[in-house]
Amino acid sequence: MTPTRLAFGAGLVAAAGVYGIVLGTLLTDHEWWPPGDRTPAYYVHWTLVGVFDLSLLATAVLDFGGWGLPAPAAFVGLVLAPLGTAVFVWGARTMQSAETMGVTGDLYTDGPYGYTRNPQYLGMIVGVTGFALAVDSALVAGLAAAHVGWVLLLPRAEEPHLRAEFGDDYDRYAARVPRFVGIATLRRAVTPENS
């Protein structure tokens, strides 16, 4: 097996593990995500994410330019990757680090959380998509698609936990602010003082 295929395969296995945790939460009565505390599920999840991230980077290095996309696609990727990273960092800096990683904390509704309930996830989606385009690798695009898929599922696993934790406050917040991006996001971006 080549190093490229080994790196790609490790990423797929790690992604499958994350999907197992998230889908296990969505399809059963057991709450593996978000852990709410530093449980074994917390450590398993973040270990899998670490393996995935290293695999994604290794695959990018080993298969850089292997897809043959036109140059404008790489340019779009070079715009999207830092944009997504900036949105992610803005969301992460608003929270404490433990809360960013799924540990129970406060309900954040200001700053980036006034535009989208999941700025970090939105940033990940935009950033990893841009990264895949910039790297110009079909293998990286496959891993990026796997990543986007689980990131789209994570809020659905978190929302019952947030409703149980914050009750009506969370329901009012969810009614006002979209899960990712919507008309309310655009309206607030145009007229932030009316939010």
N, C-alpha and C. Protein backbone atom coordinates (compact mmCIF):
# COMPACT_ATOMS: atom_id res chain seq x y z
N MET A 1 0.85 -1.18 0.00
CA MET A 1 0.00 0.00 0.00
C MET A 1 0.89 1.24 0.00
N THR A 2 0.55 2.20 -0.85
CA THR A 2 1.34 3.42 -0.95
C THR A 2 1.07 4.32 0.26
N PRO A 3 1.99 5.23 0.58
CA PRO A 3 1.75 6.16 1.69
C PRO A 3 0.50 7.02 1.48
N THR A 4 0.23 7.37 0.23
CA THR A 4 -0.95 8.19 -0.05
C THR A 4 -2.22 7.42 0.29
N ARG A 5 -2.29 6.18 -0.14
CA ARG A 5 -3.49 5.37 0.15
C ARG A 5 -3.59 5.06 1.65
N LEU A 6 -2.46 4.90 2.31
CA LEU A 6 -2.47 4.65 3.75
C LEU A 6 -3.02 5.87 4.49
N ALA A 7 -2.55 7.07 4.11
CA ALA A 7 -3.04 8.30 4.74
C ALA A 7 -4.53 8.48 4.48
N PHE A 8 -4.94 8.27 3.23
CA PHE A 8 -6.34 8.41 2.86
C PHE A 8 -7.20 7.39 3.62
N GLY A 9 -6.74 6.16 3.69
CA GLY A 9 -7.48 5.11 4.39
C GLY A 9 -7.62 5.40 5.87
N ALA A 10 -6.56 5.91 6.49
CA ALA A 10 -6.63 6.27 7.91
C ALA A 10 -7.68 7.36 8.12
N GLY A 11 -7.75 8.31 7.19
CA GLY A 11 -8.75 9.37 7.28
C GLY A 11 -10.17 8.82 7.17
N LEU A 12 -10.36 7.87 6.25
CA LEU A 12 -11.69 7.26 6.11
C LEU A 12 -12.10 6.49 7.36
N VAL A 13 -11.15 5.76 7.94
CA VAL A 13 -11.46 4.99 9.16
C VAL A 13 -11.81 5.94 10.31
N ALA A 14 -11.02 7.01 10.45
CA ALA A 14 -11.31 7.98 11.51
C ALA A 14 -12.67 8.64 11.29
N ALA A 15 -12.96 8.99 10.04
CA ALA A 15 -14.26 9.60 9.73
C ALA A 15 -15.40 8.63 10.05
N ALA A 16 -15.22 7.36 9.73
CA ALA A 16 -16.24 6.36 10.04
C ALA A 16 -16.48 6.29 11.55
N GLY A 17 -15.42 6.40 12.33
CA GLY A 17 -15.57 6.41 13.79
C GLY A 17 -16.36 7.60 14.29
N VAL A 18 -16.09 8.78 13.72
CA VAL A 18 -16.84 9.98 14.11
C VAL A 18 -18.31 9.82 13.72
N TYR A 19 -18.55 9.32 12.51
CA TYR A 19 -19.93 9.07 12.10
C TYR A 19 -20.61 8.10 13.07
N GLY A 20 -19.89 7.09 13.52
CA GLY A 20 -20.46 6.14 14.48
C GLY A 20 -20.92 6.82 15.75
N ILE A 21 -20.09 7.73 16.27
CA ILE A 21 -20.45 8.45 17.49
C ILE A 21 -21.66 9.34 17.26
N VAL A 22 -21.64 10.08 16.17
CA VAL A 22 -22.74 11.02 15.91
C VAL A 22 -24.04 10.28 15.60
N LEU A 23 -23.96 9.29 14.72
CA LEU A 23 -25.16 8.53 14.38
C LEU A 23 -25.67 7.72 15.57
N GLY A 24 -24.75 7.23 16.40
CA GLY A 24 -25.17 6.54 17.62
C GLY A 24 -25.98 7.44 18.52
N THR A 25 -25.60 8.72 18.58
CA THR A 25 -26.35 9.70 19.36
C THR A 25 -27.71 9.98 18.73
N LEU A 26 -27.72 10.12 17.40
CA LEU A 26 -28.97 10.47 16.70
C LEU A 26 -29.97 9.32 16.67
N LEU A 27 -29.49 8.09 16.60
CA LEU A 27 -30.37 6.95 16.37
C LEU A 27 -30.67 6.11 17.60
N THR A 28 -30.02 6.43 18.73
CA THR A 28 -30.27 5.67 19.96
C THR A 28 -30.61 6.65 21.08
N ASP A 29 -30.86 6.11 22.25
CA ASP A 29 -31.13 6.94 23.42
C ASP A 29 -29.85 7.34 24.15
N HIS A 30 -28.70 6.85 23.66
CA HIS A 30 -27.43 7.16 24.33
C HIS A 30 -26.84 8.44 23.75
N GLU A 31 -26.35 9.31 24.62
CA GLU A 31 -25.78 10.58 24.18
C GLU A 31 -24.25 10.49 24.20
N TRP A 32 -23.68 10.20 23.03
CA TRP A 32 -22.22 10.19 22.92
C TRP A 32 -21.69 11.56 22.51
N TRP A 33 -22.52 12.35 21.83
CA TRP A 33 -22.11 13.70 21.45
C TRP A 33 -23.30 14.62 21.61
N PRO A 34 -23.11 15.81 22.19
CA PRO A 34 -21.89 16.26 22.84
C PRO A 34 -21.73 15.58 24.19
N PRO A 35 -20.51 15.38 24.61
CA PRO A 35 -20.32 14.64 25.86
C PRO A 35 -20.81 15.38 27.09
N GLY A 36 -20.82 16.73 27.06
CA GLY A 36 -21.24 17.49 28.22
C GLY A 36 -20.17 17.54 29.30
N ASP A 37 -19.23 16.62 29.24
CA ASP A 37 -18.12 16.56 30.18
C ASP A 37 -17.01 15.76 29.52
N ARG A 38 -15.89 15.61 30.18
CA ARG A 38 -14.76 14.86 29.61
C ARG A 38 -14.96 13.37 29.87
N THR A 39 -15.86 12.79 29.10
CA THR A 39 -16.19 11.38 29.20
C THR A 39 -15.29 10.57 28.26
N PRO A 40 -15.35 9.24 28.31
CA PRO A 40 -14.61 8.45 27.33
C PRO A 40 -15.00 8.81 25.89
N ALA A 41 -16.28 9.11 25.64
CA ALA A 41 -16.72 9.49 24.30
C ALA A 41 -16.02 10.76 23.84
N TYR A 42 -15.79 11.68 24.75
CA TYR A 42 -15.08 12.92 24.45
C TYR A 42 -13.67 12.60 23.93
N TYR A 43 -12.95 11.74 24.64
CA TYR A 43 -11.58 11.41 24.25
C TYR A 43 -11.54 10.59 22.96
N VAL A 44 -12.49 9.69 22.78
CA VAL A 44 -12.54 8.91 21.54
C VAL A 44 -12.82 9.84 20.36
N HIS A 45 -13.82 10.71 20.53
CA HIS A 45 -14.17 11.64 19.45
C HIS A 45 -12.96 12.48 19.04
N TRP A 46 -12.32 13.11 20.01
CA TRP A 46 -11.23 14.02 19.67
C TRP A 46 -9.98 13.29 19.18
N THR A 47 -9.77 12.06 19.60
CA THR A 47 -8.68 11.25 19.04
C THR A 47 -8.97 10.95 17.57
N LEU A 48 -10.20 10.55 17.27
CA LEU A 48 -10.57 10.29 15.88
C LEU A 48 -10.43 11.55 15.02
N VAL A 49 -10.86 12.68 15.54
CA VAL A 49 -10.73 13.93 14.79
C VAL A 49 -9.25 14.27 14.56
N GLY A 50 -8.40 14.04 15.56
CA GLY A 50 -6.97 14.28 15.39
C GLY A 50 -6.36 13.39 14.32
N VAL A 51 -6.72 12.11 14.34
CA VAL A 51 -6.23 11.18 13.31
C VAL A 51 -6.72 11.63 11.94
N PHE A 52 -8.00 12.02 11.87
CA PHE A 52 -8.55 12.48 10.60
C PHE A 52 -7.79 13.71 10.09
N ASP A 53 -7.57 14.68 10.96
CA ASP A 53 -6.88 15.91 10.54
C ASP A 53 -5.46 15.62 10.04
N LEU A 54 -4.74 14.76 10.75
CA LEU A 54 -3.39 14.39 10.30
C LEU A 54 -3.44 13.65 8.96
N SER A 55 -4.42 12.80 8.80
CA SER A 55 -4.58 12.07 7.54
C SER A 55 -4.91 13.01 6.40
N LEU A 56 -5.77 13.98 6.67
CA LEU A 56 -6.13 14.96 5.65
C LEU A 56 -4.89 15.74 5.20
N LEU A 57 -4.10 16.18 6.16
CA LEU A 57 -2.88 16.92 5.81
C LEU A 57 -1.87 16.05 5.06
N ALA A 58 -1.68 14.83 5.53
CA ALA A 58 -0.74 13.93 4.86
C ALA A 58 -1.20 13.62 3.44
N THR A 59 -2.49 13.38 3.26
CA THR A 59 -3.02 13.12 1.93
C THR A 59 -2.84 14.34 1.03
N ALA A 60 -3.04 15.53 1.59
CA ALA A 60 -2.85 16.75 0.81
C ALA A 60 -1.42 16.90 0.33
N VAL A 61 -0.47 16.62 1.20
CA VAL A 61 0.94 16.72 0.82
C VAL A 61 1.29 15.66 -0.23
N LEU A 62 0.83 14.45 -0.01
CA LEU A 62 1.21 13.33 -0.89
C LEU A 62 0.49 13.34 -2.24
N ASP A 63 -0.69 13.97 -2.32
CA ASP A 63 -1.47 13.95 -3.56
C ASP A 63 -1.73 15.36 -4.09
N PHE A 64 -0.91 16.32 -3.70
CA PHE A 64 -1.10 17.71 -4.11
C PHE A 64 -1.11 17.82 -5.63
N GLY A 65 -2.15 18.46 -6.17
CA GLY A 65 -2.24 18.67 -7.61
C GLY A 65 -2.62 17.44 -8.41
N GLY A 66 -3.01 16.37 -7.74
CA GLY A 66 -3.30 15.13 -8.43
C GLY A 66 -4.63 15.06 -9.15
N TRP A 67 -5.49 16.03 -8.94
CA TRP A 67 -6.82 16.01 -9.53
C TRP A 67 -6.85 16.67 -10.90
N GLY A 68 -6.08 17.74 -11.07
CA GLY A 68 -6.04 18.45 -12.35
C GLY A 68 -7.17 19.44 -12.54
N LEU A 69 -7.61 20.08 -11.47
CA LEU A 69 -8.66 21.09 -11.58
C LEU A 69 -8.13 22.32 -12.31
N PRO A 70 -9.00 23.08 -12.95
CA PRO A 70 -8.55 24.33 -13.57
C PRO A 70 -8.09 25.34 -12.52
N ALA A 71 -7.19 26.22 -12.91
CA ALA A 71 -6.60 27.19 -11.98
C ALA A 71 -7.63 28.03 -11.22
N PRO A 72 -8.75 28.46 -11.84
CA PRO A 72 -9.73 29.24 -11.06
C PRO A 72 -10.28 28.49 -9.84
N ALA A 73 -10.37 27.17 -9.92
CA ALA A 73 -10.86 26.40 -8.78
C ALA A 73 -9.89 26.53 -7.61
N ALA A 74 -8.60 26.47 -7.89
CA ALA A 74 -7.60 26.64 -6.83
C ALA A 74 -7.68 28.04 -6.24
N PHE A 75 -7.92 29.04 -7.09
CA PHE A 75 -8.05 30.41 -6.60
C PHE A 75 -9.25 30.53 -5.66
N VAL A 76 -10.39 29.95 -6.06
CA VAL A 76 -11.58 29.96 -5.20
C VAL A 76 -11.24 29.29 -3.87
N GLY A 77 -10.52 28.17 -3.93
CA GLY A 77 -10.10 27.49 -2.71
C GLY A 77 -9.23 28.35 -1.83
N LEU A 78 -8.33 29.12 -2.44
CA LEU A 78 -7.44 30.00 -1.68
C LEU A 78 -8.20 31.15 -1.02
N VAL A 79 -9.38 31.47 -1.52
CA VAL A 79 -10.24 32.48 -0.89
C VAL A 79 -11.08 31.83 0.22
N LEU A 80 -11.67 30.68 -0.10
CA LEU A 80 -12.58 30.03 0.86
C LEU A 80 -11.86 29.50 2.10
N ALA A 81 -10.67 28.93 1.93
CA ALA A 81 -9.97 28.32 3.08
C ALA A 81 -9.71 29.33 4.19
N PRO A 82 -9.10 30.50 3.91
CA PRO A 82 -8.89 31.46 5.01
C PRO A 82 -10.19 32.09 5.50
N LEU A 83 -11.17 32.25 4.61
CA LEU A 83 -12.45 32.79 5.04
C LEU A 83 -13.10 31.85 6.05
N GLY A 84 -13.14 30.56 5.73
CA GLY A 84 -13.69 29.57 6.65
C GLY A 84 -12.92 29.52 7.96
N THR A 85 -11.60 29.61 7.87
CA THR A 85 -10.77 29.60 9.07
C THR A 85 -11.08 30.81 9.94
N ALA A 86 -11.28 31.97 9.33
CA ALA A 86 -11.58 33.19 10.09
C ALA A 86 -12.93 33.05 10.81
N VAL A 87 -13.93 32.50 10.13
CA VAL A 87 -15.24 32.31 10.76
C VAL A 87 -15.12 31.32 11.92
N PHE A 88 -14.38 30.24 11.70
CA PHE A 88 -14.16 29.25 12.76
C PHE A 88 -13.49 29.90 13.98
N VAL A 89 -12.42 30.64 13.74
CA VAL A 89 -11.68 31.27 14.85
C VAL A 89 -12.56 32.28 15.59
N TRP A 90 -13.34 33.04 14.85
CA TRP A 90 -14.25 34.01 15.47
C TRP A 90 -15.22 33.29 16.41
N GLY A 91 -15.79 32.19 15.94
CA GLY A 91 -16.70 31.41 16.78
C GLY A 91 -16.00 30.79 17.98
N ALA A 92 -14.81 30.24 17.75
CA ALA A 92 -14.07 29.58 18.83
C ALA A 92 -13.61 30.57 19.89
N ARG A 93 -13.19 31.75 19.47
CA ARG A 93 -12.70 32.75 20.43
C ARG A 93 -13.82 33.31 21.30
N THR A 94 -15.04 33.22 20.81
CA THR A 94 -16.18 33.70 21.58
C THR A 94 -16.45 32.79 22.77
N MET A 95 -16.12 31.51 22.63
CA MET A 95 -16.33 30.52 23.70
C MET A 95 -15.03 30.26 24.45
N GLN A 96 -15.19 29.58 25.58
CA GLN A 96 -14.02 29.04 26.27
C GLN A 96 -13.61 27.77 25.55
N SER A 97 -12.34 27.36 25.62
CA SER A 97 -11.87 26.23 24.83
C SER A 97 -12.58 24.92 25.16
N ALA A 98 -12.88 24.67 26.42
CA ALA A 98 -13.55 23.42 26.78
C ALA A 98 -14.95 23.37 26.16
N GLU A 99 -15.63 24.50 26.13
CA GLU A 99 -16.96 24.54 25.52
C GLU A 99 -16.87 24.33 24.01
N THR A 100 -15.84 24.85 23.40
CA THR A 100 -15.63 24.67 21.98
C THR A 100 -15.52 23.19 21.63
N MET A 101 -15.03 22.39 22.56
CA MET A 101 -14.82 20.97 22.30
C MET A 101 -15.96 20.10 22.83
N GLY A 102 -17.12 20.70 23.10
CA GLY A 102 -18.30 19.91 23.45
C GLY A 102 -18.58 19.77 24.93
N VAL A 103 -17.80 20.42 25.78
CA VAL A 103 -18.05 20.36 27.21
C VAL A 103 -19.10 21.41 27.56
N THR A 104 -20.03 21.05 28.42
CA THR A 104 -21.14 21.94 28.77
C THR A 104 -20.64 23.27 29.28
N GLY A 105 -21.31 24.33 28.87
CA GLY A 105 -20.97 25.68 29.30
C GLY A 105 -22.18 26.58 29.19
N ASP A 106 -21.96 27.80 28.72
CA ASP A 106 -23.02 28.78 28.61
C ASP A 106 -23.67 28.72 27.23
N LEU A 107 -24.83 29.38 27.10
CA LEU A 107 -25.48 29.54 25.81
C LEU A 107 -25.00 30.86 25.23
N TYR A 108 -24.32 30.79 24.10
CA TYR A 108 -23.80 31.99 23.44
C TYR A 108 -24.77 32.41 22.35
N THR A 109 -25.16 33.70 22.38
CA THR A 109 -26.12 34.20 21.40
C THR A 109 -25.64 35.49 20.73
N ASP A 110 -24.49 36.00 21.12
CA ASP A 110 -23.97 37.25 20.58
C ASP A 110 -22.77 36.98 19.68
N GLY A 111 -22.25 38.04 19.09
CA GLY A 111 -21.11 37.91 18.19
C GLY A 111 -21.49 37.04 17.01
N PRO A 112 -20.64 36.09 16.64
CA PRO A 112 -20.97 35.24 15.49
C PRO A 112 -22.20 34.38 15.73
N TYR A 113 -22.50 34.10 17.00
CA TYR A 113 -23.65 33.28 17.34
C TYR A 113 -24.97 34.03 17.16
N GLY A 114 -24.91 35.32 16.88
CA GLY A 114 -26.09 36.08 16.53
C GLY A 114 -26.46 35.94 15.06
N TYR A 115 -25.53 35.44 14.25
CA TYR A 115 -25.75 35.25 12.82
C TYR A 115 -26.06 33.79 12.48
N THR A 116 -25.42 32.89 13.16
CA THR A 116 -25.58 31.46 12.93
C THR A 116 -25.38 30.74 14.26
N ARG A 117 -26.17 29.70 14.51
CA ARG A 117 -26.01 28.97 15.77
C ARG A 117 -24.73 28.15 15.78
N ASN A 118 -24.11 27.96 14.63
CA ASN A 118 -22.94 27.10 14.51
C ASN A 118 -21.83 27.74 13.69
N PRO A 119 -21.29 28.87 14.14
CA PRO A 119 -20.26 29.53 13.33
C PRO A 119 -19.01 28.67 13.14
N GLN A 120 -18.65 27.89 14.15
CA GLN A 120 -17.46 27.05 14.00
C GLN A 120 -17.69 25.98 12.93
N TYR A 121 -18.86 25.38 12.95
CA TYR A 121 -19.15 24.35 11.94
C TYR A 121 -19.25 24.97 10.56
N LEU A 122 -19.88 26.13 10.46
CA LEU A 122 -19.96 26.82 9.18
C LEU A 122 -18.55 27.14 8.66
N GLY A 123 -17.69 27.61 9.56
CA GLY A 123 -16.30 27.87 9.18
C GLY A 123 -15.58 26.62 8.72
N MET A 124 -15.83 25.50 9.41
CA MET A 124 -15.21 24.23 8.99
C MET A 124 -15.66 23.83 7.59
N ILE A 125 -16.95 23.97 7.32
CA ILE A 125 -17.48 23.57 6.01
C ILE A 125 -16.85 24.40 4.90
N VAL A 126 -16.84 25.71 5.09
CA VAL A 126 -16.26 26.60 4.08
C VAL A 126 -14.76 26.37 3.97
N GLY A 127 -14.09 26.26 5.11
CA GLY A 127 -12.63 26.11 5.12
C GLY A 127 -12.15 24.81 4.50
N VAL A 128 -12.76 23.68 4.86
CA VAL A 128 -12.29 22.40 4.33
C VAL A 128 -12.63 22.26 2.85
N THR A 129 -13.76 22.87 2.43
CA THR A 129 -14.08 22.88 1.00
C THR A 129 -13.04 23.68 0.23
N GLY A 130 -12.69 24.84 0.76
CA GLY A 130 -11.65 25.65 0.12
C GLY A 130 -10.31 24.94 0.11
N PHE A 131 -9.98 24.26 1.19
CA PHE A 131 -8.72 23.53 1.27
C PHE A 131 -8.65 22.46 0.20
N ALA A 132 -9.75 21.72 0.02
CA ALA A 132 -9.77 20.65 -0.99
C ALA A 132 -9.58 21.24 -2.39
N LEU A 133 -10.22 22.37 -2.67
CA LEU A 133 -10.04 23.00 -3.98
C LEU A 133 -8.62 23.51 -4.17
N ALA A 134 -8.06 24.13 -3.14
CA ALA A 134 -6.71 24.67 -3.24
C ALA A 134 -5.66 23.58 -3.43
N VAL A 135 -5.84 22.44 -2.76
CA VAL A 135 -4.89 21.34 -2.84
C VAL A 135 -5.02 20.60 -4.18
N ASP A 136 -6.22 20.65 -4.77
CA ASP A 136 -6.45 20.03 -6.08
C ASP A 136 -6.19 18.52 -6.03
N SER A 137 -6.87 17.86 -5.10
CA SER A 137 -6.72 16.41 -4.93
C SER A 137 -8.10 15.78 -4.77
N ALA A 138 -8.41 14.80 -5.59
CA ALA A 138 -9.68 14.10 -5.48
C ALA A 138 -9.77 13.36 -4.14
N LEU A 139 -8.63 12.83 -3.67
CA LEU A 139 -8.63 12.13 -2.39
C LEU A 139 -8.94 13.08 -1.24
N VAL A 140 -8.32 14.26 -1.29
CA VAL A 140 -8.60 15.27 -0.25
C VAL A 140 -10.06 15.72 -0.36
N ALA A 141 -10.58 15.84 -1.57
CA ALA A 141 -11.98 16.21 -1.74
C ALA A 141 -12.89 15.15 -1.13
N GLY A 142 -12.53 13.87 -1.27
CA GLY A 142 -13.31 12.80 -0.66
C GLY A 142 -13.31 12.90 0.86
N LEU A 143 -12.13 13.16 1.44
CA LEU A 143 -12.05 13.32 2.89
C LEU A 143 -12.80 14.57 3.33
N ALA A 144 -12.69 15.64 2.54
CA ALA A 144 -13.40 16.88 2.87
C ALA A 144 -14.91 16.65 2.86
N ALA A 145 -15.39 15.88 1.88
CA ALA A 145 -16.82 15.58 1.82
C ALA A 145 -17.26 14.78 3.05
N ALA A 146 -16.44 13.84 3.48
CA ALA A 146 -16.75 13.08 4.70
C ALA A 146 -16.82 14.02 5.90
N HIS A 147 -15.89 14.95 5.98
CA HIS A 147 -15.86 15.92 7.07
C HIS A 147 -17.10 16.80 7.06
N VAL A 148 -17.44 17.33 5.90
CA VAL A 148 -18.63 18.18 5.79
C VAL A 148 -19.87 17.40 6.21
N GLY A 149 -19.95 16.13 5.82
CA GLY A 149 -21.09 15.31 6.18
C GLY A 149 -21.28 15.19 7.68
N TRP A 150 -20.19 14.92 8.41
CA TRP A 150 -20.38 14.77 9.86
C TRP A 150 -20.62 16.12 10.53
N VAL A 151 -20.03 17.18 9.97
CA VAL A 151 -20.27 18.51 10.55
C VAL A 151 -21.72 18.93 10.37
N LEU A 152 -22.35 18.52 9.26
CA LEU A 152 -23.76 18.81 9.07
C LEU A 152 -24.64 18.05 10.07
N LEU A 153 -24.17 16.90 10.53
CA LEU A 153 -24.93 16.10 11.49
C LEU A 153 -24.73 16.54 12.94
N LEU A 154 -23.56 17.08 13.26
CA LEU A 154 -23.25 17.42 14.66
C LEU A 154 -24.30 18.31 15.33
N PRO A 155 -24.78 19.38 14.69
CA PRO A 155 -25.78 20.20 15.38
C PRO A 155 -27.05 19.43 15.74
N ARG A 156 -27.44 18.49 14.88
CA ARG A 156 -28.64 17.70 15.16
C ARG A 156 -28.44 16.83 16.40
N ALA A 157 -27.21 16.40 16.63
CA ALA A 157 -26.92 15.62 17.83
C ALA A 157 -26.83 16.52 19.06
N GLU A 158 -26.43 17.76 18.87
CA GLU A 158 -26.25 18.69 19.99
C GLU A 158 -27.54 19.35 20.45
N GLU A 159 -28.45 19.58 19.53
CA GLU A 159 -29.63 20.38 19.85
C GLU A 159 -30.50 19.81 20.97
N PRO A 160 -30.75 18.49 21.03
CA PRO A 160 -31.52 17.98 22.18
C PRO A 160 -30.81 18.26 23.51
N HIS A 161 -29.50 18.15 23.52
CA HIS A 161 -28.71 18.44 24.72
C HIS A 161 -28.87 19.92 25.10
N LEU A 162 -28.80 20.80 24.11
CA LEU A 162 -28.92 22.23 24.37
C LEU A 162 -30.33 22.59 24.85
N ARG A 163 -31.35 21.94 24.27
CA ARG A 163 -32.72 22.18 24.73
C ARG A 163 -32.90 21.73 26.17
N ALA A 164 -32.31 20.58 26.51
CA ALA A 164 -32.42 20.08 27.88
C ALA A 164 -31.66 20.99 28.85
N GLU A 165 -30.54 21.51 28.41
CA GLU A 165 -29.68 22.35 29.26
C GLU A 165 -30.25 23.76 29.44
N PHE A 166 -30.78 24.37 28.35
CA PHE A 166 -31.16 25.79 28.39
C PHE A 166 -32.64 26.05 28.19
N GLY A 167 -33.43 25.02 27.91
CA GLY A 167 -34.89 25.14 27.85
C GLY A 167 -35.39 26.20 26.89
N ASP A 168 -36.30 27.03 27.39
CA ASP A 168 -36.96 28.04 26.56
C ASP A 168 -35.98 29.05 25.98
N ASP A 169 -34.89 29.34 26.71
CA ASP A 169 -33.89 30.27 26.18
C ASP A 169 -33.32 29.75 24.86
N TYR A 170 -33.04 28.44 24.81
CA TYR A 170 -32.51 27.88 23.58
C TYR A 170 -33.58 27.87 22.48
N ASP A 171 -34.82 27.55 22.83
CA ASP A 171 -35.89 27.53 21.83
C ASP A 171 -36.09 28.90 21.21
N ARG A 172 -36.06 29.96 22.03
CA ARG A 172 -36.21 31.32 21.49
C ARG A 172 -35.02 31.66 20.60
N TYR A 173 -33.84 31.27 21.02
CA TYR A 173 -32.62 31.51 20.23
C TYR A 173 -32.70 30.76 18.89
N ALA A 174 -33.10 29.49 18.92
CA ALA A 174 -33.19 28.69 17.70
C ALA A 174 -34.25 29.23 16.75
N ALA A 175 -35.31 29.83 17.28
CA ALA A 175 -36.34 30.41 16.43
C ALA A 175 -35.84 31.68 15.74
N ARG A 176 -34.89 32.35 16.35
CA ARG A 176 -34.39 33.63 15.84
C ARG A 176 -33.17 33.49 14.93
N VAL A 177 -32.32 32.49 15.20
CA VAL A 177 -31.04 32.37 14.49
C VAL A 177 -30.98 31.01 13.79
N PRO A 178 -30.64 31.00 12.50
CA PRO A 178 -30.61 29.71 11.77
C PRO A 178 -29.48 28.80 12.22
N ARG A 179 -29.66 27.51 11.94
CA ARG A 179 -28.66 26.51 12.29
C ARG A 179 -27.32 26.83 11.61
N PHE A 180 -27.36 27.17 10.35
CA PHE A 180 -26.14 27.52 9.62
C PHE A 180 -26.27 28.94 9.06
N VAL A 181 -26.88 29.08 7.90
CA VAL A 181 -27.07 30.39 7.30
C VAL A 181 -28.47 30.44 6.71
N GLY A 182 -29.12 31.57 6.87
CA GLY A 182 -30.46 31.74 6.32
C GLY A 182 -30.77 33.20 6.11
N ILE A 183 -32.01 33.48 5.84
CA ILE A 183 -32.46 34.86 5.62
C ILE A 183 -32.16 35.71 6.85
N ALA A 184 -32.35 35.15 8.04
CA ALA A 184 -32.08 35.92 9.27
C ALA A 184 -30.61 36.30 9.36
N THR A 185 -29.73 35.44 8.89
CA THR A 185 -28.29 35.75 8.89
C THR A 185 -28.02 36.94 7.99
N LEU A 186 -28.57 36.89 6.79
CA LEU A 186 -28.36 37.97 5.83
C LEU A 186 -28.99 39.27 6.30
N ARG A 187 -30.19 39.18 6.88
CA ARG A 187 -30.86 40.37 7.39
C ARG A 187 -30.03 41.03 8.49
N ARG A 188 -29.49 40.22 9.38
CA ARG A 188 -28.68 40.77 10.47
C ARG A 188 -27.38 41.35 9.96
N ALA A 189 -26.79 40.72 8.94
CA ALA A 189 -25.54 41.25 8.37
C ALA A 189 -25.76 42.63 7.74
N VAL A 190 -26.94 42.85 7.18
CA VAL A 190 -27.24 44.13 6.54
C VAL A 190 -27.64 45.17 7.56
N THR A 191 -28.42 44.77 8.58
CA THR A 191 -28.89 45.71 9.61
C THR A 191 -28.64 45.13 11.00
N PRO A 192 -27.38 45.07 11.44
CA PRO A 192 -27.06 44.45 12.73
C PRO A 192 -27.70 45.12 13.93
N GLU A 193 -28.00 46.40 13.86
CA GLU A 193 -28.56 47.09 15.01
C GLU A 193 -29.99 46.67 15.31
N ASN A 194 -30.69 46.03 14.34
CA ASN A 194 -32.07 45.62 14.56
C ASN A 194 -32.18 44.21 15.11
N SER A 195 -31.08 43.53 15.41
CA SER A 195 -31.12 42.14 15.86
C SER A 195 -31.38 42.04 17.32
